[in-house]
Amino acid sequence: MRTYDDPQIFSHRTVLVRSDLNVPMDEGTITDRGRILASAGTIKALAEAGARVIVMSHLGRPKGSPDPQYSLHPLAPELAEAIGRDVAFAADTVGEEAKTKAAALADGEVLLLENLRFNPGETSKDDSERAAFAAQLAELADDFVSDGFGVVHRKQASVFDIASLLPHYAGSLVRAEVEVSDLLLNDPQTPFSVVLGGSKVSDKLGVIDNLIDRADNLLIGGGMVFTFLAALGHDIGSSLVEKDRVEDVKGYLKRAEAGGANIILPTDIVMAASFAADAENWVRPVAELESTPAGAQGLGLDIGPDSAAAYADVISESTTVFWNGPMGVFEFPAFAAGTKAVAAALTDEPGADSSRLTVVGGGDSAAAVRTLGFADDEFGHISTGGGASLEYLEGKTLPGLEALA
């Protein structure tokens, strides 16, 4: 992977930076600025070194044409605040406004382009259509810096194709993400525990497959736990289960018994009468999940208090921890305790053993720790790329990193 040591090499040059500013929005308001703050370091360093910086990103999933609800315009002032300097905005990506504003940039100035996915060439499956859009982007600059780790698993014009058209480098965020991921895969300090949650076990099977013989412990929570419990023959009430993955899970349980990681499952579950913040809820041992109050259907929405305490103990005793996926529906306070217990166990007190590495694997996990009141610097590393982080740990080749060779 091609990198740079000194951003001064970009002084007096125009640099296209592919960032990942795909922040969550609620009716036009940013609800988590994490990706903006994580992206700011590279952009700020390049601008301070005298580069003319053009930032490009996507937001949401528009259908290849302009859609006001996905405009990056509201992000320009947020990015400006994060880097401590003005950020101009172009209301297109490769049109006349982008070309004019890019050509007018002075050393140290920053321009943010409109949402890349407003152009169908960005995400096209047609190589020639992607290449054509990448060529238009490349005309705006002298160099390309890839710093959006959250998209490096995508074969898209601004991530993959453009690297063949300009001198290209990995930005500081991508470098940091790769270094941490390499440590997890190839040189974790033991005990090494992997905590996996979220709703679907199918999203995590690749990680389980690649880490089951590397980790010491695999702690399972979230909706995916019910597929594991079903594989063990438990009655899970009306809880989420992926029936087509039960046999896969049985195979991993057998691998664990044969000498793989210790798979740890909850011993109790917080059940609810319905999927709602104010739903009636109760705690049941795993062996009694079908036992419900009169008239309730019984839906598992969090790991129980005994399980949360046990998971916290394992995590606290681990030197390396990777966590991806909440333990329950953390957005509802009544079902956030399991996720909060895991997050708290990952945090380190000032002066703690510097050899300990705790990694929050992006996506819902990163949103959860901030929603629950934790600060980013309480963890060893918070990834900006949920899907990219998982695919890296699955051992897959990621197009956006391959292009930087």
Protein backbone atom coordinates (compact mmCIF):
# COMPACT_ATOMS: atom_id res chain seq x y z
CA MET A 1 0.00 0.00 0.00
CA ARG A 2 1.51 3.29 -1.10
CA THR A 3 1.70 5.90 1.64
CA TYR A 4 3.38 9.25 2.29
CA ASP A 5 5.38 10.37 5.30
CA ASP A 6 5.30 14.13 4.81
CA PRO A 7 2.22 15.97 3.50
CA GLN A 8 4.58 18.69 2.27
CA ILE A 9 5.00 16.64 -0.91
CA PHE A 10 1.56 17.93 -1.89
CA SER A 11 2.40 21.62 -1.42
CA HIS A 12 1.18 23.72 -4.39
CA ARG A 13 -0.61 20.64 -5.79
CA THR A 14 -4.31 19.85 -6.06
CA VAL A 15 -5.25 16.69 -4.16
CA LEU A 16 -8.47 14.72 -4.43
CA VAL A 17 -9.23 13.15 -1.05
CA ARG A 18 -11.78 10.35 -0.92
CA SER A 19 -13.23 10.65 2.58
CA ASP A 20 -16.16 8.83 4.14
CA LEU A 21 -18.53 11.52 5.39
CA ASN A 22 -21.54 9.21 5.32
CA VAL A 23 -22.87 10.39 8.66
CA PRO A 24 -26.31 9.47 10.06
CA MET A 25 -28.90 12.20 9.57
CA ASP A 26 -32.30 12.80 11.13
CA GLU A 27 -34.42 15.29 9.19
CA GLY A 28 -31.33 17.19 8.06
CA THR A 29 -29.56 17.09 11.42
CA ILE A 30 -26.34 15.12 11.87
CA THR A 31 -26.79 12.70 14.76
CA ASP A 32 -23.21 11.40 14.92
CA ARG A 33 -20.21 13.48 13.74
CA GLY A 34 -17.74 10.65 14.25
CA ARG A 35 -16.82 10.15 10.61
CA ILE A 36 -16.39 13.88 10.03
CA LEU A 37 -14.03 14.15 12.99
CA ALA A 38 -12.12 11.04 11.91
CA SER A 39 -11.71 12.39 8.37
CA ALA A 40 -10.57 15.83 9.50
CA GLY A 41 -6.98 14.86 10.35
CA THR A 42 -5.83 14.08 6.83
CA ILE A 43 -7.71 17.01 5.26
CA LYS A 44 -6.33 19.47 7.79
CA ALA A 45 -2.75 18.19 7.46
CA LEU A 46 -2.84 18.47 3.67
CA ALA A 47 -4.28 21.98 3.75
CA GLU A 48 -1.73 23.11 6.34
CA ALA A 49 1.01 21.73 4.10
CA GLY A 50 -0.14 24.00 1.28
CA ALA A 51 -2.14 21.54 -0.78
CA ARG A 52 -5.28 22.56 -2.63
CA VAL A 53 -7.69 19.99 -1.22
CA ILE A 54 -10.80 18.67 -2.96
CA VAL A 55 -12.84 16.42 -0.69
CA MET A 56 -15.23 13.91 -2.18
CA SER A 57 -17.66 11.57 -0.42
CA HIS A 58 -21.08 9.99 -0.60
CA LEU A 59 -24.05 10.23 1.73
CA GLY A 60 -26.80 7.65 1.90
CA ARG A 61 -28.05 5.74 -1.10
CA PRO A 62 -29.41 8.06 -3.78
CA LYS A 63 -30.39 6.41 -7.06
CA GLY A 64 -27.66 7.87 -9.28
CA SER A 65 -29.25 11.31 -9.61
CA PRO A 66 -29.49 14.43 -7.41
CA ASP A 67 -31.71 14.06 -4.36
CA PRO A 68 -31.83 17.01 -1.92
CA GLN A 69 -32.19 14.81 1.17
CA TYR A 70 -28.74 13.36 0.45
CA SER A 71 -26.92 16.61 -0.35
CA LEU A 72 -23.52 17.12 1.27
CA HIS A 73 -24.14 20.85 1.55
CA PRO A 74 -25.04 20.68 5.29
CA LEU A 75 -21.73 18.90 5.94
CA ALA A 76 -19.53 21.75 4.65
CA PRO A 77 -19.81 23.91 7.80
CA GLU A 78 -19.39 20.82 10.00
CA LEU A 79 -16.21 19.88 8.17
CA ALA A 80 -15.00 23.49 8.35
CA GLU A 81 -15.41 23.46 12.12
CA ALA A 82 -13.54 20.14 12.39
CA ILE A 83 -10.51 21.31 10.39
CA GLY A 84 -10.48 24.93 11.58
CA ARG A 85 -10.70 26.56 8.17
CA ASP A 86 -13.28 27.49 5.55
CA VAL A 87 -14.68 24.80 3.27
CA ALA A 88 -16.16 25.84 -0.08
CA PHE A 89 -18.91 23.74 -1.63
CA ALA A 90 -19.58 22.74 -5.24
CA ALA A 91 -23.16 21.79 -6.03
CA ASP A 92 -22.01 19.16 -8.53
CA THR A 93 -19.20 16.60 -8.81
CA VAL A 94 -17.63 17.00 -12.24
CA GLY A 95 -19.79 19.77 -13.73
CA GLU A 96 -18.96 23.38 -14.44
CA GLU A 97 -19.23 24.55 -10.83
CA ALA A 98 -16.87 21.85 -9.58
CA LYS A 99 -14.38 22.56 -12.38
CA THR A 100 -14.48 26.30 -11.83
CA LYS A 101 -14.12 26.15 -8.06
CA ALA A 102 -11.41 23.48 -8.24
CA ALA A 103 -9.37 25.58 -10.68
CA ALA A 104 -9.75 28.64 -8.45
CA LEU A 105 -8.41 26.97 -5.30
CA ALA A 106 -5.39 28.59 -3.69
CA ASP A 107 -2.80 26.76 -1.61
CA GLY A 108 -4.34 25.63 1.69
CA GLU A 109 -7.95 26.00 0.56
CA VAL A 110 -10.53 23.20 0.76
CA LEU A 111 -13.44 22.38 -1.53
CA LEU A 112 -16.17 19.80 -0.86
CA LEU A 113 -17.88 18.27 -3.88
CA GLU A 114 -21.54 17.28 -3.96
CA ASN A 115 -22.55 13.66 -3.28
CA LEU A 116 -20.62 11.32 -5.57
CA ARG A 117 -23.57 8.97 -5.82
CA PHE A 118 -25.61 11.63 -7.59
CA ASN A 119 -23.63 10.41 -10.61
CA PRO A 120 -24.55 6.88 -11.77
CA GLY A 121 -20.93 6.23 -12.75
CA GLU A 122 -19.82 6.14 -9.11
CA THR A 123 -21.46 2.83 -8.23
CA SER A 124 -22.00 1.38 -11.71
CA LYS A 125 -21.34 -2.32 -12.29
CA ASP A 126 -20.20 -1.39 -15.80
CA ASP A 127 -16.41 -0.95 -15.73
CA SER A 128 -16.40 1.53 -18.60
CA GLU A 129 -19.07 3.74 -17.01
CA ARG A 130 -17.15 3.80 -13.71
CA ALA A 131 -13.90 4.52 -15.50
CA ALA A 132 -15.45 7.43 -17.39
CA PHE A 133 -16.62 9.07 -14.16
CA ALA A 134 -13.25 8.42 -12.53
CA ALA A 135 -11.53 10.12 -15.47
CA GLN A 136 -13.70 13.21 -15.02
CA LEU A 137 -12.83 13.35 -11.33
CA ALA A 138 -9.13 12.88 -12.07
CA GLU A 139 -9.15 15.93 -14.34
CA LEU A 140 -9.75 18.08 -11.24
CA ALA A 141 -6.48 17.23 -9.47
CA ASP A 142 -2.83 16.21 -9.53
CA ASP A 143 -2.91 13.49 -6.87
CA PHE A 144 -5.33 11.12 -5.15
CA VAL A 145 -5.40 10.32 -1.42
CA SER A 146 -7.66 7.48 -0.32
CA ASP A 147 -8.85 8.13 3.22
CA GLY A 148 -12.34 6.67 3.36
CA PHE A 149 -11.85 3.33 5.06
CA GLY A 150 -15.59 2.81 5.24
CA VAL A 151 -15.72 2.37 1.44
CA VAL A 152 -12.49 0.53 0.61
CA HIS A 153 -14.46 -2.72 0.28
CA ARG A 154 -16.41 -1.16 -2.61
CA LYS A 155 -15.29 -1.29 -6.26
CA GLN A 156 -16.43 2.23 -7.04
CA ALA A 157 -15.10 5.00 -9.26
CA SER A 158 -13.83 7.28 -6.49
CA VAL A 159 -12.37 4.38 -4.52
CA PHE A 160 -10.95 1.93 -7.04
CA ASP A 161 -10.84 3.24 -10.62
CA ILE A 162 -9.38 6.67 -9.90
CA ALA A 163 -6.24 5.20 -8.33
CA SER A 164 -5.07 4.03 -11.76
CA LEU A 165 -5.33 7.57 -13.15
CA LEU A 166 -3.42 9.67 -10.61
CA PRO A 167 -0.41 9.28 -8.29
CA HIS A 168 -2.16 7.65 -5.33
CA TYR A 169 -1.58 7.29 -1.60
CA ALA A 170 -3.31 6.00 1.51
CA GLY A 171 -4.31 8.75 3.93
CA SER A 172 -3.57 8.66 7.64
CA LEU A 173 -7.01 7.29 8.56
CA VAL A 174 -6.77 4.36 6.14
CA ARG A 175 -3.23 3.63 7.31
CA ALA A 176 -4.33 3.56 10.96
CA GLU A 177 -7.30 1.31 10.20
CA VAL A 178 -5.14 -1.16 8.29
CA GLU A 179 -2.49 -1.24 11.00
CA VAL A 180 -5.07 -2.04 13.67
CA SER A 181 -6.76 -4.67 11.52
CA ASP A 182 -3.42 -6.32 10.77
CA LEU A 183 -2.67 -6.50 14.48
CA LEU A 184 -5.99 -8.21 15.11
CA LEU A 185 -5.46 -10.71 12.33
CA ASN A 186 -1.79 -11.48 12.63
CA ASP A 187 -0.39 -10.47 16.00
CA PRO A 188 -3.05 -10.07 18.72
CA GLN A 189 -1.82 -10.10 22.27
CA THR A 190 -3.61 -12.82 24.20
CA PRO A 191 -6.11 -13.39 25.65
CA PHE A 192 -7.84 -12.26 22.45
CA SER A 193 -11.63 -11.92 22.63
CA VAL A 194 -14.03 -11.17 19.79
CA VAL A 195 -17.48 -9.82 20.68
CA LEU A 196 -20.09 -10.09 17.94
CA GLY A 197 -23.66 -8.80 17.99
CA GLY A 198 -26.19 -7.23 15.71
CA SER A 199 -29.34 -8.68 14.26
CA LYS A 200 -28.13 -11.21 11.67
CA VAL A 201 -25.68 -14.05 12.14
CA SER A 202 -25.28 -14.16 8.33
CA ASP A 203 -23.47 -10.80 8.48
CA LYS A 204 -20.84 -12.25 10.82
CA LEU A 205 -20.27 -15.79 9.51
CA GLY A 206 -17.17 -14.79 7.53
CA VAL A 207 -15.58 -13.20 10.60
CA ILE A 208 -16.41 -16.21 12.76
CA ASP A 209 -14.94 -18.53 10.14
CA ASN A 210 -11.67 -16.59 9.93
CA LEU A 211 -11.23 -15.84 13.63
CA ILE A 212 -12.51 -18.97 15.34
CA ASP A 213 -9.03 -20.51 15.21
CA ARG A 214 -7.24 -17.24 16.06
CA ALA A 215 -9.25 -15.89 18.99
CA ASP A 216 -9.43 -17.27 22.51
CA ASN A 217 -13.07 -16.28 23.04
CA LEU A 218 -16.04 -15.52 20.80
CA LEU A 219 -18.81 -13.77 22.74
CA ILE A 220 -22.16 -13.73 20.95
CA GLY A 221 -25.02 -11.29 21.54
CA GLY A 222 -27.67 -9.32 19.70
CA GLY A 223 -30.35 -10.87 17.52
CA MET A 224 -27.81 -13.29 16.06
CA VAL A 225 -27.63 -15.12 19.39
CA PHE A 226 -31.01 -16.73 18.78
CA THR A 227 -29.74 -18.63 15.75
CA PHE A 228 -27.02 -20.05 18.02
CA LEU A 229 -29.57 -20.93 20.68
CA ALA A 230 -31.83 -22.54 18.08
CA ALA A 231 -28.86 -24.59 16.87
CA LEU A 232 -28.50 -25.88 20.43
CA GLY A 233 -32.16 -26.85 20.55
CA HIS A 234 -33.51 -24.06 22.73
CA ASP A 235 -37.05 -22.73 22.38
CA ILE A 236 -36.52 -19.05 21.51
CA GLY A 237 -40.12 -17.86 21.47
CA SER A 238 -40.74 -15.24 18.78
CA SER A 239 -37.14 -14.00 18.71
CA LEU A 240 -35.31 -13.38 15.47
CA VAL A 241 -33.76 -16.50 13.94
CA GLU A 242 -32.16 -17.24 10.55
CA LYS A 243 -33.32 -20.79 9.98
CA ASP A 244 -31.18 -21.18 6.87
CA ARG A 245 -28.05 -20.51 8.96
CA VAL A 246 -28.68 -22.97 11.79
CA GLU A 247 -26.57 -25.70 10.16
CA ASP A 248 -23.70 -23.24 9.61
CA VAL A 249 -23.82 -22.32 13.28
CA LYS A 250 -23.81 -25.98 14.30
CA GLY A 251 -20.62 -26.38 12.30
CA TYR A 252 -18.92 -23.51 14.14
CA LEU A 253 -20.00 -24.91 17.49
CA LYS A 254 -18.36 -28.21 16.55
CA ARG A 255 -15.17 -26.41 15.47
CA ALA A 256 -15.08 -24.64 18.80
CA GLU A 257 -15.44 -27.92 20.67
CA ALA A 258 -12.62 -29.38 18.56
CA GLY A 259 -10.14 -26.77 19.77
CA GLY A 260 -11.25 -23.45 18.33
CA ALA A 261 -12.22 -20.37 20.27
CA ASN A 262 -14.40 -20.68 23.32
CA ILE A 263 -17.87 -19.66 22.08
CA ILE A 264 -19.68 -17.88 24.91
CA LEU A 265 -23.46 -17.49 24.72
CA PRO A 266 -25.78 -15.62 27.07
CA THR A 267 -27.35 -17.49 29.97
CA ASP A 268 -30.25 -15.08 30.28
CA ILE A 269 -32.18 -12.80 27.93
CA VAL A 270 -34.26 -9.65 28.33
CA MET A 271 -37.56 -10.53 26.67
CA ALA A 272 -40.26 -8.10 25.57
CA ALA A 273 -43.91 -8.26 24.64
CA SER A 274 -43.24 -6.30 21.43
CA PHE A 275 -40.57 -4.37 19.57
CA ALA A 276 -41.13 -1.00 21.23
CA ALA A 277 -39.29 1.28 23.62
CA ASP A 278 -42.05 1.05 26.21
CA ALA A 279 -42.82 -2.64 25.77
CA GLU A 280 -43.45 -4.80 28.82
CA ASN A 281 -40.23 -6.71 29.47
CA TRP A 282 -38.85 -9.43 31.71
CA VAL A 283 -35.67 -11.47 32.19
CA ARG A 284 -35.62 -15.22 31.59
CA PRO A 285 -32.87 -17.86 31.76
CA VAL A 286 -32.08 -19.23 28.31
CA ALA A 287 -33.71 -22.55 29.23
CA GLU A 288 -37.01 -20.77 29.96
CA LEU A 289 -37.38 -18.27 27.11
CA GLU A 290 -40.77 -19.68 26.15
CA SER A 291 -42.10 -18.81 29.60
CA THR A 292 -43.95 -15.50 29.17
CA PRO A 293 -46.49 -13.40 31.05
CA ALA A 294 -50.09 -13.99 30.04
CA GLY A 295 -50.79 -12.63 26.58
CA ALA A 296 -47.15 -11.82 25.74
CA GLN A 297 -45.40 -13.34 22.73
CA GLY A 298 -41.84 -13.12 24.04
CA LEU A 299 -39.26 -11.38 21.86
CA GLY A 300 -35.59 -11.23 22.90
CA LEU A 301 -34.23 -7.66 22.75
CA ASP A 302 -31.06 -7.76 24.91
CA ILE A 303 -28.74 -10.10 26.73
CA GLY A 304 -29.68 -10.43 30.40
CA PRO A 305 -27.91 -8.92 33.42
CA ASP A 306 -26.09 -12.13 34.37
CA SER A 307 -24.80 -12.50 30.82
CA ALA A 308 -23.77 -8.83 30.64
CA ALA A 309 -21.74 -9.20 33.84
CA ALA A 310 -20.11 -12.42 32.62
CA TYR A 311 -19.23 -10.86 29.25
CA ALA A 312 -17.75 -7.82 31.00
CA ASP A 313 -15.54 -10.09 33.11
CA VAL A 314 -14.16 -11.90 30.04
CA ILE A 315 -13.56 -8.62 28.21
CA SER A 316 -11.85 -7.01 31.21
CA GLU A 317 -9.47 -9.96 31.45
CA SER A 318 -8.58 -9.82 27.73
CA THR A 319 -5.54 -8.02 26.36
CA THR A 320 -6.98 -7.66 22.85
CA VAL A 321 -10.68 -7.16 22.13
CA PHE A 322 -12.55 -6.62 18.88
CA TRP A 323 -16.24 -5.73 19.13
CA ASN A 324 -18.73 -5.41 16.29
CA GLY A 325 -22.49 -5.26 16.81
CA PRO A 326 -24.64 -4.23 19.79
CA MET A 327 -25.85 -6.75 22.34
CA GLY A 328 -29.44 -5.57 22.08
CA VAL A 329 -31.68 -2.79 20.84
CA PHE A 330 -29.55 -0.09 22.46
CA GLU A 331 -31.67 2.69 20.95
CA PHE A 332 -34.35 1.74 23.50
CA PRO A 333 -33.09 2.49 27.06
CA ALA A 334 -34.84 -0.58 28.49
CA PHE A 335 -32.75 -2.81 26.20
CA ALA A 336 -29.40 -1.00 26.25
CA ALA A 337 -27.84 -2.48 29.40
CA GLY A 338 -26.03 -5.35 27.67
CA THR A 339 -24.43 -3.07 25.09
CA LYS A 340 -23.48 -0.55 27.79
CA ALA A 341 -21.83 -3.26 29.90
CA VAL A 342 -19.73 -4.42 26.95
CA ALA A 343 -18.72 -0.85 26.08
CA ALA A 344 -17.76 -0.08 29.68
CA ALA A 345 -15.61 -3.22 29.86
CA LEU A 346 -13.72 -2.09 26.74
CA THR A 347 -12.81 1.30 28.19
CA ASP A 348 -9.46 1.79 29.86
CA GLU A 349 -8.62 3.84 32.92
CA PRO A 350 -5.82 6.43 32.58
CA GLY A 351 -2.48 4.73 33.11
CA ALA A 352 -3.84 1.30 32.17
CA ASP A 353 -1.63 -1.35 30.62
CA SER A 354 -0.50 0.16 27.31
CA SER A 355 -0.31 -3.28 25.70
CA ARG A 356 -4.11 -3.63 25.86
CA LEU A 357 -5.92 -2.95 22.59
CA THR A 358 -9.69 -2.49 22.46
CA VAL A 359 -11.26 -2.00 19.05
CA VAL A 360 -14.84 -0.90 18.37
CA GLY A 361 -15.57 -2.16 14.88
CA GLY A 362 -17.51 0.73 13.41
CA GLY A 363 -21.13 0.81 12.25
CA ASP A 364 -23.78 0.35 14.94
CA SER A 365 -21.12 -0.32 17.58
CA ALA A 366 -19.54 3.09 17.08
CA ALA A 367 -22.97 4.74 17.14
CA ALA A 368 -23.84 2.83 20.29
CA VAL A 369 -20.84 3.93 22.35
CA ARG A 370 -21.50 7.59 21.53
CA THR A 371 -25.24 7.30 22.09
CA LEU A 372 -24.59 5.71 25.48
CA GLY A 373 -22.30 8.55 26.54
CA PHE A 374 -18.82 7.15 26.00
CA ALA A 375 -16.01 9.26 24.52
CA ASP A 376 -13.95 8.03 21.57
CA ASP A 377 -10.68 8.33 23.49
CA GLU A 378 -11.89 5.83 26.08
CA PHE A 379 -11.21 3.07 23.54
CA GLY A 380 -8.04 1.99 21.82
CA HIS A 381 -9.55 2.44 18.38
CA ILE A 382 -13.01 3.14 16.95
CA SER A 383 -13.20 2.06 13.33
CA THR A 384 -14.98 4.20 10.75
CA GLY A 385 -15.82 1.23 8.56
CA GLY A 386 -18.23 -1.40 9.80
CA GLY A 387 -18.53 -3.39 6.59
CA ALA A 388 -14.93 -2.77 5.52
CA SER A 389 -13.63 -3.74 8.95
CA LEU A 390 -15.58 -7.00 8.89
CA GLU A 391 -14.46 -7.90 5.36
CA TYR A 392 -10.83 -7.20 6.25
CA LEU A 393 -11.09 -9.51 9.24
CA GLU A 394 -12.74 -12.13 7.04
CA GLY A 395 -9.47 -12.16 5.09
CA LYS A 396 -10.99 -10.74 1.91
CA THR A 397 -9.10 -8.62 -0.59
CA LEU A 398 -10.58 -5.13 -0.52
CA PRO A 399 -10.65 -3.35 -3.91
CA GLY A 400 -9.88 0.10 -2.49
CA LEU A 401 -6.74 -1.19 -0.77
CA GLU A 402 -5.70 -3.36 -3.69
CA ALA A 403 -5.81 -0.26 -5.90
CA LEU A 404 -3.26 1.47 -3.64
CA ALA A 405 -0.56 -1.13 -4.20
